[in-house]
Amino acid sequence: MKARVSLNLPQSLKKAAEEFAEKDGVSLNQFIALALAEKVGTVSAAEFFAERGKAGDVDWAVAFLEGRGE
């Protein structure tokens, strides 16, 4: 299922996106969709690791990285 979105972009950003899309050999629409997917994935991963890190044990992690962990 796809949704239609109307975007208002600064002309300079649209031009830069068009240039990158052309270099990648994809449409502007596909380039924007991929850029958005990359951003959503990055933010989701950061949130995941931040949440996981709350329960972490820094001393154990350092020991593990130094080869002293079990």
C-alpha atoms as a PDB file:
ATOM      1  CA  MET A   1       0.000   0.000   0.000  1.00  0.00           C
ATOM      2  CA  LYS A   2       1.343   3.408  -0.938  1.00  0.00           C
ATOM      3  CA  ALA A   3       0.369   6.849   0.268  1.00  0.00           C
ATOM      4  CA  ARG A   4       0.621  10.068  -1.675  1.00  0.00           C
ATOM      5  CA  VAL A   5       2.380  12.974   0.058  1.00  0.00           C
ATOM      6  CA  SER A   6       2.709  16.544  -1.091  1.00  0.00           C
ATOM      7  CA  LEU A   7       6.013  18.142  -0.061  1.00  0.00           C
ATOM      8  CA  ASN A   8       7.053  21.758   0.015  1.00  0.00           C
ATOM      9  CA  LEU A   9      10.840  21.888  -0.246  1.00  0.00           C
ATOM     10  CA  PRO A  10      13.233  24.773  -0.569  1.00  0.00           C
ATOM     11  CA  GLN A  11      14.266  24.977  -4.226  1.00  0.00           C
ATOM     12  CA  SER A  12      17.928  24.381  -3.305  1.00  0.00           C
ATOM     13  CA  LEU A  13      17.093  21.150  -1.461  1.00  0.00           C
ATOM     14  CA  LYS A  14      14.933  19.902  -4.329  1.00  0.00           C
ATOM     15  CA  LYS A  15      17.724  20.648  -6.807  1.00  0.00           C
ATOM     16  CA  ALA A  16      20.295  18.818  -4.657  1.00  0.00           C
ATOM     17  CA  ALA A  17      17.952  15.824  -4.269  1.00  0.00           C
ATOM     18  CA  GLU A  18      17.365  15.733  -8.032  1.00  0.00           C
ATOM     19  CA  GLU A  19      21.116  15.741  -8.648  1.00  0.00           C
ATOM     20  CA  PHE A  20      21.708  12.890  -6.184  1.00  0.00           C
ATOM     21  CA  ALA A  21      18.805  10.924  -7.646  1.00  0.00           C
ATOM     22  CA  GLU A  22      20.225  11.338 -11.149  1.00  0.00           C
ATOM     23  CA  LYS A  23      23.683  10.183  -9.969  1.00  0.00           C
ATOM     24  CA  ASP A  24      22.066   7.135  -8.361  1.00  0.00           C
ATOM     25  CA  GLY A  25      19.994   6.443 -11.460  1.00  0.00           C
ATOM     26  CA  VAL A  26      16.677   6.606  -9.618  1.00  0.00           C
ATOM     27  CA  SER A  27      13.651   8.872  -9.729  1.00  0.00           C
ATOM     28  CA  LEU A  28      13.356  11.800  -7.341  1.00  0.00           C
ATOM     29  CA  ASN A  29      10.419  10.013  -5.722  1.00  0.00           C
ATOM     30  CA  GLN A  30      12.486   6.868  -5.133  1.00  0.00           C
ATOM     31  CA  PHE A  31      15.439   8.871  -3.833  1.00  0.00           C
ATOM     32  CA  ILE A  32      13.257  10.716  -1.309  1.00  0.00           C
ATOM     33  CA  ALA A  33      11.602   7.462  -0.196  1.00  0.00           C
ATOM     34  CA  LEU A  34      15.006   5.813   0.309  1.00  0.00           C
ATOM     35  CA  ALA A  35      16.376   8.850   2.170  1.00  0.00           C
ATOM     36  CA  LEU A  36      13.360   8.852   4.467  1.00  0.00           C
ATOM     37  CA  ALA A  37      13.674   5.098   5.062  1.00  0.00           C
ATOM     38  CA  GLU A  38      17.354   5.557   5.937  1.00  0.00           C
ATOM     39  CA  LYS A  39      16.535   8.333   8.423  1.00  0.00           C
ATOM     40  CA  VAL A  40      13.714   6.347  10.049  1.00  0.00           C
ATOM     41  CA  GLY A  41      15.997   3.315  10.356  1.00  0.00           C
ATOM     42  CA  THR A  42      18.801   5.360  11.884  1.00  0.00           C
ATOM     43  CA  VAL A  43      16.560   7.024  14.458  1.00  0.00           C
ATOM     44  CA  SER A  44      14.894   3.706  15.297  1.00  0.00           C
ATOM     45  CA  ALA A  45      18.267   2.032  15.814  1.00  0.00           C
ATOM     46  CA  ALA A  46      19.497   4.882  18.014  1.00  0.00           C
ATOM     47  CA  GLU A  47      16.360   4.653  20.158  1.00  0.00           C
ATOM     48  CA  PHE A  48      16.707   0.860  20.396  1.00  0.00           C
ATOM     49  CA  PHE A  49      20.329   1.023  21.541  1.00  0.00           C
ATOM     50  CA  ALA A  50      19.621   3.883  23.959  1.00  0.00           C
ATOM     51  CA  GLU A  51      16.869   1.814  25.570  1.00  0.00           C
ATOM     52  CA  ARG A  52      19.045  -1.315  25.692  1.00  0.00           C
ATOM     53  CA  GLY A  53      21.904   0.713  27.147  1.00  0.00           C
ATOM     54  CA  LYS A  54      19.828   1.792  30.146  1.00  0.00           C
ATOM     55  CA  ALA A  55      20.125  -1.718  31.590  1.00  0.00           C
ATOM     56  CA  GLY A  56      23.806  -2.037  30.699  1.00  0.00           C
ATOM     57  CA  ASP A  57      26.712  -2.584  33.038  1.00  0.00           C
ATOM     58  CA  VAL A  58      29.530  -0.227  32.012  1.00  0.00           C
ATOM     59  CA  ASP A  59      32.198  -1.981  34.114  1.00  0.00           C
ATOM     60  CA  TRP A  60      31.298  -5.359  32.591  1.00  0.00           C
ATOM     61  CA  ALA A  61      31.303  -3.902  29.071  1.00  0.00           C
ATOM     62  CA  VAL A  62      34.750  -2.345  29.528  1.00  0.00           C
ATOM     63  CA  ALA A  63      36.105  -5.588  30.982  1.00  0.00           C
ATOM     64  CA  PHE A  64      34.626  -7.517  28.052  1.00  0.00           C
ATOM     65  CA  LEU A  65      36.153  -5.167  25.505  1.00  0.00           C
ATOM     66  CA  GLU A  66      39.503  -5.453  27.233  1.00  0.00           C
ATOM     67  CA  GLY A  67      39.304  -9.256  27.031  1.00  0.00           C
ATOM     68  CA  ARG A  68      38.599  -9.750  30.725  1.00  0.00           C
ATOM     69  CA  GLY A  69      34.869 -10.490  30.372  1.00  0.00           C
ATOM     70  CA  GLU A  70      33.357 -13.893  30.770  1.00  0.00           C
END
